[in-house]
N, C-alpha and C. Protein backbone atom coordinates (compact mmCIF):
# COMPACT_ATOMS: atom_id res chain seq x y z
N MET A 1 77.64 36.67 18.67
CA MET A 1 77.51 37.97 19.48
C MET A 1 77.67 37.23 21.08
N ALA A 2 78.27 38.54 21.74
CA ALA A 2 78.27 38.09 23.29
C ALA A 2 76.97 37.92 23.79
N LYS A 3 76.93 37.47 25.04
CA LYS A 3 75.64 37.36 25.56
C LYS A 3 76.05 38.24 27.04
N THR A 4 74.93 39.00 27.19
CA THR A 4 74.87 40.05 28.31
C THR A 4 74.00 39.58 29.19
N PHE A 5 74.22 39.68 30.35
CA PHE A 5 72.68 39.14 31.27
C PHE A 5 72.67 40.39 31.91
N ILE A 6 71.44 40.76 32.21
CA ILE A 6 70.97 41.77 33.14
C ILE A 6 69.75 41.06 34.18
N ASN A 7 69.58 41.86 35.05
CA ASN A 7 68.33 41.38 35.52
C ASN A 7 67.21 42.73 35.83
N PHE A 8 66.01 42.52 35.99
CA PHE A 8 65.35 43.56 36.33
C PHE A 8 63.57 43.08 36.67
N ARG A 9 63.02 44.14 37.18
CA ARG A 9 61.86 43.49 37.89
C ARG A 9 60.39 43.65 37.02
N LEU A 10 59.79 42.97 36.85
CA LEU A 10 58.76 42.97 36.01
C LEU A 10 57.22 43.03 36.64
N HIS A 11 56.13 43.82 36.18
CA HIS A 11 54.80 43.82 36.67
C HIS A 11 54.53 42.39 36.57
N ILE A 12 53.66 41.98 37.55
CA ILE A 12 52.93 40.73 37.18
C ILE A 12 52.28 40.66 35.83
N GLU A 13 51.49 41.60 35.76
CA GLU A 13 51.06 41.74 34.35
C GLU A 13 51.79 41.20 33.23
N ASN A 14 52.78 41.75 33.05
CA ASN A 14 53.87 41.53 31.97
C ASN A 14 54.60 40.19 32.13
N ILE A 15 54.73 39.62 33.34
CA ILE A 15 54.89 38.33 33.57
C ILE A 15 54.07 37.34 32.78
N LEU A 16 52.74 37.52 33.10
CA LEU A 16 51.75 36.60 32.60
C LEU A 16 51.77 36.64 31.12
N ALA A 17 51.80 37.93 30.57
CA ALA A 17 51.62 38.23 29.05
C ALA A 17 52.97 37.54 28.40
N ILE A 18 53.95 37.30 29.05
CA ILE A 18 55.33 36.73 28.78
C ILE A 18 54.95 35.40 28.53
N GLN A 19 54.73 34.84 29.48
CA GLN A 19 54.01 33.46 29.53
C GLN A 19 53.21 33.06 28.47
N LYS A 20 52.22 33.79 28.27
CA LYS A 20 51.09 33.51 27.50
C LYS A 20 51.79 33.63 25.64
N TYR A 21 52.63 34.64 25.48
CA TYR A 21 52.75 34.78 24.09
C TYR A 21 54.50 34.61 23.52
N PHE A 22 55.17 34.20 24.62
CA PHE A 22 56.50 33.64 24.28
C PHE A 22 56.83 32.44 24.77
N LYS A 23 57.73 31.53 24.06
CA LYS A 23 58.20 30.60 24.59
C LYS A 23 59.09 30.88 25.77
N ASP A 24 59.94 31.92 25.77
CA ASP A 24 60.66 32.19 27.28
C ASP A 24 60.88 33.45 27.12
N ARG A 25 61.59 33.94 28.11
CA ARG A 25 62.11 35.41 28.54
C ARG A 25 62.84 36.18 27.66
N THR A 26 63.83 35.49 27.18
CA THR A 26 64.52 35.65 26.29
C THR A 26 64.14 36.22 25.03
N GLU A 27 63.19 35.31 24.53
CA GLU A 27 62.27 35.68 23.21
C GLU A 27 61.58 36.81 23.38
N ALA A 28 61.11 36.88 24.73
CA ALA A 28 60.21 38.23 25.10
C ALA A 28 61.16 39.55 25.06
N VAL A 29 61.96 39.41 25.65
CA VAL A 29 62.53 40.84 26.12
C VAL A 29 63.39 40.99 24.45
N GLN A 30 63.89 40.20 23.78
CA GLN A 30 64.38 40.68 22.32
C GLN A 30 63.71 41.01 21.44
N TYR A 31 62.15 40.63 21.72
CA TYR A 31 60.86 41.14 20.99
C TYR A 31 60.76 42.65 21.60
N ALA A 32 60.85 42.25 22.55
CA ALA A 32 60.54 43.99 23.28
C ALA A 32 61.45 44.96 22.65
N ILE A 33 62.63 44.77 22.85
CA ILE A 33 64.06 45.28 22.41
C ILE A 33 63.64 46.10 20.97
N ASP A 34 63.53 45.17 20.19
CA ASP A 34 63.20 45.30 18.83
C ASP A 34 62.25 45.98 18.51
N SER A 35 60.89 45.97 19.01
CA SER A 35 59.84 46.69 18.87
C SER A 35 60.04 48.00 19.43
N TYR A 36 60.43 48.21 20.40
CA TYR A 36 60.59 49.43 20.68
C TYR A 36 61.37 50.59 19.95
N PHE A 37 62.64 50.07 19.35
CA PHE A 37 63.67 50.69 18.63
C PHE A 37 62.89 51.20 17.19
N PHE A 38 62.26 50.21 16.45
CA PHE A 38 61.15 50.24 15.35
C PHE A 38 60.19 51.07 15.30
N LEU A 39 59.55 51.17 16.69
CA LEU A 39 58.23 52.09 16.98
C LEU A 39 58.70 53.54 17.03
N ARG A 40 60.22 53.77 17.61
CA ARG A 40 60.78 54.92 17.74
C ARG A 40 60.93 55.64 16.51
N ARG A 41 61.87 55.04 15.75
CA ARG A 41 62.14 55.05 14.33
C ARG A 41 61.05 55.69 13.62
N ALA A 42 59.92 54.70 13.31
CA ALA A 42 58.74 55.07 12.75
C ALA A 42 57.95 56.39 13.36
N SER A 43 57.88 56.39 14.67
CA SER A 43 57.14 57.48 15.40
C SER A 43 57.89 58.97 15.23
N LEU A 44 58.95 58.97 15.16
CA LEU A 44 59.82 60.05 15.03
C LEU A 44 60.04 60.55 13.61
N ARG A 45 59.88 59.67 13.03
CA ARG A 45 59.86 60.06 11.30
C ARG A 45 58.49 60.37 10.96
N GLU A 46 57.56 59.86 11.28
CA GLU A 46 56.04 60.52 11.29
C GLU A 46 55.79 62.09 11.75
N ILE A 47 56.53 62.34 12.89
CA ILE A 47 56.28 63.75 13.35
C ILE A 47 56.83 64.69 12.69
N LYS A 48 57.95 64.16 11.82
CA LYS A 48 58.99 65.23 11.30
C LYS A 48 58.20 66.25 10.33
N GLY A 49 57.93 67.58 10.64
CA GLY A 49 57.29 68.65 10.31
C GLY A 49 55.89 69.10 10.49
N ILE A 50 55.49 68.18 11.28
CA ILE A 50 54.24 68.62 12.00
C ILE A 50 54.27 69.95 13.00
N PHE A 51 55.21 69.98 13.73
CA PHE A 51 55.63 71.20 14.78
C PHE A 51 56.61 72.10 14.10
N THR A 52 56.38 73.54 14.80
CA THR A 52 57.18 74.47 14.26
C THR A 52 58.50 74.60 15.20
N LYS A 53 59.21 75.22 14.94
CA LYS A 53 60.40 75.42 15.88
C LYS A 53 59.89 75.83 17.28
N GLU A 54 59.17 77.04 17.09
CA GLU A 54 59.00 77.70 18.49
C GLU A 54 57.77 76.79 19.33
N GLU A 55 57.14 75.84 18.61
CA GLU A 55 56.09 74.86 19.21
C GLU A 55 56.95 73.67 20.04
N PHE A 56 57.92 73.42 19.27
CA PHE A 56 58.91 72.50 19.80
C PHE A 56 59.63 72.76 20.95
N ILE A 57 60.25 73.85 21.12
CA ILE A 57 60.96 74.27 21.96
C ILE A 57 60.13 74.84 23.07
N GLY A 58 58.95 75.37 22.99
CA GLY A 58 57.75 75.23 23.88
C GLY A 58 57.38 73.84 24.71
N LEU A 59 57.41 72.82 24.02
CA LEU A 59 57.30 71.76 24.49
C LEU A 59 58.59 71.28 25.39
N VAL A 60 59.88 71.32 24.84
CA VAL A 60 60.67 70.99 25.44
C VAL A 60 61.26 71.67 27.11
N GLN A 61 60.66 73.05 26.82
CA GLN A 61 61.11 73.82 28.14
C GLN A 61 60.01 73.59 29.21
N CYS A 62 58.56 73.26 28.76
CA CYS A 62 57.78 72.74 29.75
C CYS A 62 57.89 71.51 30.56
N SER A 63 58.56 70.45 29.72
CA SER A 63 58.97 69.46 30.47
C SER A 63 60.42 69.25 31.14
N LYS A 64 60.96 70.14 31.42
CA LYS A 64 62.23 70.31 31.72
C LYS A 64 61.82 70.12 33.33
N GLY A 65 62.39 68.83 33.73
CA GLY A 65 62.58 68.22 35.05
C GLY A 65 61.42 67.52 35.24
N LYS A 66 60.56 67.42 34.03
CA LYS A 66 59.20 66.33 34.36
C LYS A 66 59.24 65.25 33.48
N ASN A 67 58.76 64.08 33.99
CA ASN A 67 58.93 62.84 33.30
C ASN A 67 57.53 62.16 33.72
N LEU A 68 56.86 61.80 33.21
CA LEU A 68 55.54 60.90 33.34
C LEU A 68 56.13 59.71 33.33
N THR A 69 55.40 58.68 34.13
CA THR A 69 55.57 57.57 33.95
C THR A 69 55.43 56.90 32.57
N SER A 70 56.03 55.77 32.38
CA SER A 70 55.75 54.82 31.27
C SER A 70 54.19 54.47 30.78
N GLU A 71 53.75 54.26 31.79
CA GLU A 71 52.11 53.93 31.52
C GLU A 71 51.30 54.93 31.37
N LEU A 72 51.80 56.03 31.86
CA LEU A 72 51.01 57.55 30.97
C LEU A 72 51.64 58.16 30.27
N LYS A 73 52.93 57.90 29.84
CA LYS A 73 53.28 58.90 28.65
C LYS A 73 52.67 58.40 27.08
N ALA A 74 51.82 57.36 27.29
CA ALA A 74 51.30 57.02 25.79
C ALA A 74 49.72 57.47 25.89
N ASP A 75 49.30 58.04 26.81
CA ASP A 75 48.04 58.62 27.36
C ASP A 75 48.00 60.01 26.64
N LYS A 76 46.98 60.18 25.47
CA LYS A 76 46.83 61.77 24.87
C LYS A 76 46.51 62.51 25.74
N THR A 77 45.17 62.01 26.66
CA THR A 77 44.39 63.22 27.34
C THR A 77 45.70 63.34 28.83
N VAL A 78 46.41 62.54 29.27
CA VAL A 78 47.01 62.87 30.15
C VAL A 78 48.32 63.97 29.77
N TYR A 79 48.70 63.66 28.37
CA TYR A 79 49.60 64.59 28.14
C TYR A 79 49.00 65.91 27.75
N MET A 80 47.94 65.85 27.13
CA MET A 80 47.22 67.15 27.03
C MET A 80 46.71 67.89 28.30
N ALA A 81 46.63 67.26 29.20
CA ALA A 81 46.47 67.73 30.64
C ALA A 81 47.51 68.61 31.23
N PHE A 82 49.08 67.58 30.94
CA PHE A 82 49.91 68.16 31.46
C PHE A 82 50.46 69.42 30.70
N LEU A 83 50.07 69.55 29.27
CA LEU A 83 50.55 70.51 28.80
C LEU A 83 49.54 72.01 28.85
N LYS A 84 48.30 71.69 29.08
CA LYS A 84 47.46 72.71 29.51
C LYS A 84 48.04 73.18 30.88
N SER A 85 48.28 72.53 31.86
CA SER A 85 48.74 72.89 33.24
C SER A 85 50.06 73.70 33.01
N GLN A 86 50.81 73.15 32.18
CA GLN A 86 52.00 73.67 32.30
C GLN A 86 51.88 75.23 31.44
N ASN A 87 50.77 75.11 30.83
CA ASN A 87 50.51 76.49 30.09
C ASN A 87 50.27 77.57 30.74
N GLU A 88 49.10 77.03 31.54
CA GLU A 88 48.52 77.98 32.57
C GLU A 88 49.74 78.62 33.69
N PHE A 89 50.50 77.57 34.00
CA PHE A 89 51.65 78.16 34.99
C PHE A 89 52.88 79.13 34.23
N SER A 90 53.25 78.55 33.10
CA SER A 90 54.20 79.33 32.10
C SER A 90 53.96 79.92 31.08
N ARG A 91 52.88 80.21 30.61
CA ARG A 91 52.40 80.79 29.34
C ARG A 91 53.31 80.18 28.33
N ILE A 92 53.48 78.92 27.81
CA ILE A 92 54.75 78.58 26.89
C ILE A 92 54.05 79.23 25.53
N GLY A 93 52.71 79.14 25.29
CA GLY A 93 52.54 79.78 23.93
C GLY A 93 52.89 81.16 23.78
N TRP A 94 52.49 82.03 24.84
CA TRP A 94 52.70 83.47 24.43
C TRP A 94 54.33 83.81 24.77
N LYS A 95 55.00 83.01 25.60
CA LYS A 95 56.59 83.03 25.79
C LYS A 95 57.25 82.83 24.66
N TYR A 96 56.94 81.52 23.81
CA TYR A 96 57.71 81.30 22.75
C TYR A 96 57.00 81.60 21.47
N GLY A 97 55.89 82.29 21.43
CA GLY A 97 55.14 82.85 20.14
C GLY A 97 54.60 81.97 19.54
N PHE A 98 53.84 81.29 19.71
CA PHE A 98 52.84 80.24 19.02
C PHE A 98 51.58 80.40 19.70
N SER A 99 50.75 79.74 18.59
CA SER A 99 49.09 79.53 19.48
C SER A 99 49.08 78.05 20.07
N PHE A 100 48.90 78.41 21.47
CA PHE A 100 48.97 77.08 22.46
C PHE A 100 47.51 76.11 21.72
N ASP A 101 46.55 76.55 21.46
CA ASP A 101 45.35 76.10 20.73
C ASP A 101 45.52 75.49 19.70
N LYS A 102 46.52 75.88 19.15
CA LYS A 102 47.01 75.04 17.60
C LYS A 102 48.09 73.67 18.14
N LEU A 103 48.72 74.09 19.08
CA LEU A 103 49.74 73.02 19.27
C LEU A 103 48.65 71.77 19.93
N LEU A 104 47.53 72.07 20.69
CA LEU A 104 46.88 70.96 21.61
C LEU A 104 46.07 70.20 20.01
N ASP A 105 45.48 71.09 19.07
CA ASP A 105 45.27 70.57 18.06
C ASP A 105 45.93 69.82 17.33
N LYS A 106 47.39 69.88 17.05
CA LYS A 106 48.14 69.05 16.45
C LYS A 106 48.46 67.91 17.47
N ILE A 107 48.72 67.83 18.99
CA ILE A 107 48.74 66.82 19.85
C ILE A 107 47.43 65.85 19.57
N GLY A 108 46.48 66.38 19.55
CA GLY A 108 45.34 65.72 19.78
C GLY A 108 45.16 64.57 18.61
N LYS A 109 46.05 65.03 17.30
CA LYS A 109 46.32 64.06 16.21
C LYS A 109 47.31 63.22 16.08
N LEU A 110 47.92 63.01 17.13
CA LEU A 110 49.05 62.32 16.98
C LEU A 110 48.67 60.81 17.71
N SER A 111 49.21 60.14 17.32
CA SER A 111 48.85 58.45 17.75
C SER A 111 49.60 58.52 19.16
N SER A 112 49.37 57.14 19.69
CA SER A 112 49.95 57.21 21.25
C SER A 112 51.41 56.90 21.41
N ALA A 113 51.85 56.36 20.05
CA ALA A 113 52.94 55.96 19.94
C ALA A 113 53.66 57.29 19.70
N GLN A 114 53.29 58.05 18.83
CA GLN A 114 54.10 59.45 18.70
C GLN A 114 54.33 60.34 20.09
N ILE A 115 53.24 60.28 20.70
CA ILE A 115 53.14 61.07 21.93
C ILE A 115 54.19 60.44 22.70
N TYR A 116 54.20 58.96 22.84
CA TYR A 116 55.28 58.44 23.96
C TYR A 116 56.76 58.80 23.58
N PHE A 117 57.07 58.80 22.06
CA PHE A 117 58.38 59.11 21.77
C PHE A 117 58.64 60.47 21.80
N ILE A 118 57.54 61.43 21.70
CA ILE A 118 58.14 62.70 21.97
C ILE A 118 58.45 63.18 23.20
N GLN A 119 57.87 62.54 24.17
CA GLN A 119 58.21 62.40 25.37
C GLN A 119 59.35 62.07 25.82
N GLU A 120 59.69 61.07 25.49
CA GLU A 120 60.83 60.19 25.38
C GLU A 120 62.44 60.80 25.28
N GLU A 121 62.08 61.41 23.84
CA GLU A 121 63.10 62.25 23.16
C GLU A 121 63.56 63.47 24.00
N ILE A 122 62.54 64.07 24.63
CA ILE A 122 62.53 65.21 25.26
C ILE A 122 63.40 64.89 26.87
N TRP A 123 62.80 63.59 27.44
CA TRP A 123 63.28 63.49 28.46
C TRP A 123 64.80 63.30 28.56
N ARG A 124 65.35 62.39 27.22
CA ARG A 124 66.34 61.86 27.00
C ARG A 124 67.29 62.95 26.86
N TYR A 125 66.70 64.08 25.78
CA TYR A 125 67.55 65.44 25.66
C TYR A 125 67.71 66.17 27.18
N TRP A 126 67.26 66.32 27.98
CA TRP A 126 67.20 66.94 29.28
C TRP A 126 67.99 66.22 30.15
N LYS A 127 68.10 64.90 30.00
CA LYS A 127 68.96 64.10 30.76
C LYS A 127 70.26 63.91 30.26
N TYR A 128 70.61 63.70 29.03
CA TYR A 128 71.68 63.45 28.84
C TYR A 128 72.77 64.68 27.64
N GLU A 129 71.58 65.31 26.83
CA GLU A 129 72.17 66.54 26.07
C GLU A 129 72.35 67.84 26.15
N SER A 130 71.12 68.18 27.35
CA SER A 130 71.02 69.68 27.50
C SER A 130 72.27 70.68 27.87
N ARG A 131 73.25 69.88 28.57
CA ARG A 131 74.47 70.81 28.83
C ARG A 131 75.47 70.95 27.93
N LYS A 132 75.22 70.58 26.78
CA LYS A 132 76.28 70.70 25.63
C LYS A 132 76.01 71.83 25.00
N VAL A 133 77.02 72.48 24.50
CA VAL A 133 76.93 73.61 23.58
C VAL A 133 76.30 73.67 22.40
N GLY A 134 75.05 74.54 22.20
CA GLY A 134 74.33 74.02 21.04
C GLY A 134 73.20 72.87 20.83
N ALA A 135 73.25 72.29 21.82
CA ALA A 135 72.49 70.87 22.13
C ALA A 135 70.99 71.45 21.70
N ILE A 136 70.44 72.61 22.28
CA ILE A 136 68.92 72.85 22.02
C ILE A 136 68.58 72.82 20.32
N ASP A 137 69.70 73.40 19.81
CA ASP A 137 69.51 73.93 18.25
C ASP A 137 69.45 72.23 17.67
N ASP A 138 70.58 71.90 17.82
CA ASP A 138 70.60 69.97 17.51
C ASP A 138 69.51 69.44 17.67
N PHE A 139 68.87 69.18 18.89
CA PHE A 139 67.82 68.74 19.11
C PHE A 139 66.65 68.64 18.55
N ILE A 140 66.26 70.38 17.99
CA ILE A 140 65.07 71.10 17.18
C ILE A 140 65.53 70.39 16.08
N ILE A 141 66.55 70.45 15.34
CA ILE A 141 66.80 70.30 14.29
C ILE A 141 66.56 68.60 13.57
N PHE A 142 66.95 68.05 14.80
CA PHE A 142 66.73 66.50 14.71
C PHE A 142 65.18 66.16 14.68
N MET A 143 64.44 66.92 15.58
CA MET A 143 63.09 66.36 15.74
C MET A 143 61.90 67.25 14.93
N ILE A 144 62.16 68.41 14.54
CA ILE A 144 61.09 69.04 13.38
C ILE A 144 62.06 68.83 11.97
């Protein structure tokens, strides 16, 4: 396999964790990348069937142009507060025809990883896919 070199900055806490848990940075980066994609696949598989089409469209629409920082994406309380504020502003439950309280109940039962990857996929949709014809329908089918 060809080697690729990349440069990136790490928070001091992450540098200390790498030094504590791994023999070198290469091993740490490989582990992080493998773990990210494993958790992504597992989390997305686990949320299949939880949301209705209308609920997920509401989540997608209220997240347009908004992206929580990585350290906040896994925080259920922060995500629920974000959704509540978006609902107060744009009435997503009413607009898309679902019970917002039921949506919050479903969100409240998700794991931190599931919440993180829902937001990641929505962000990825808006950044890379949203301009394609039929993209929202394909995305909804993929997610629900």
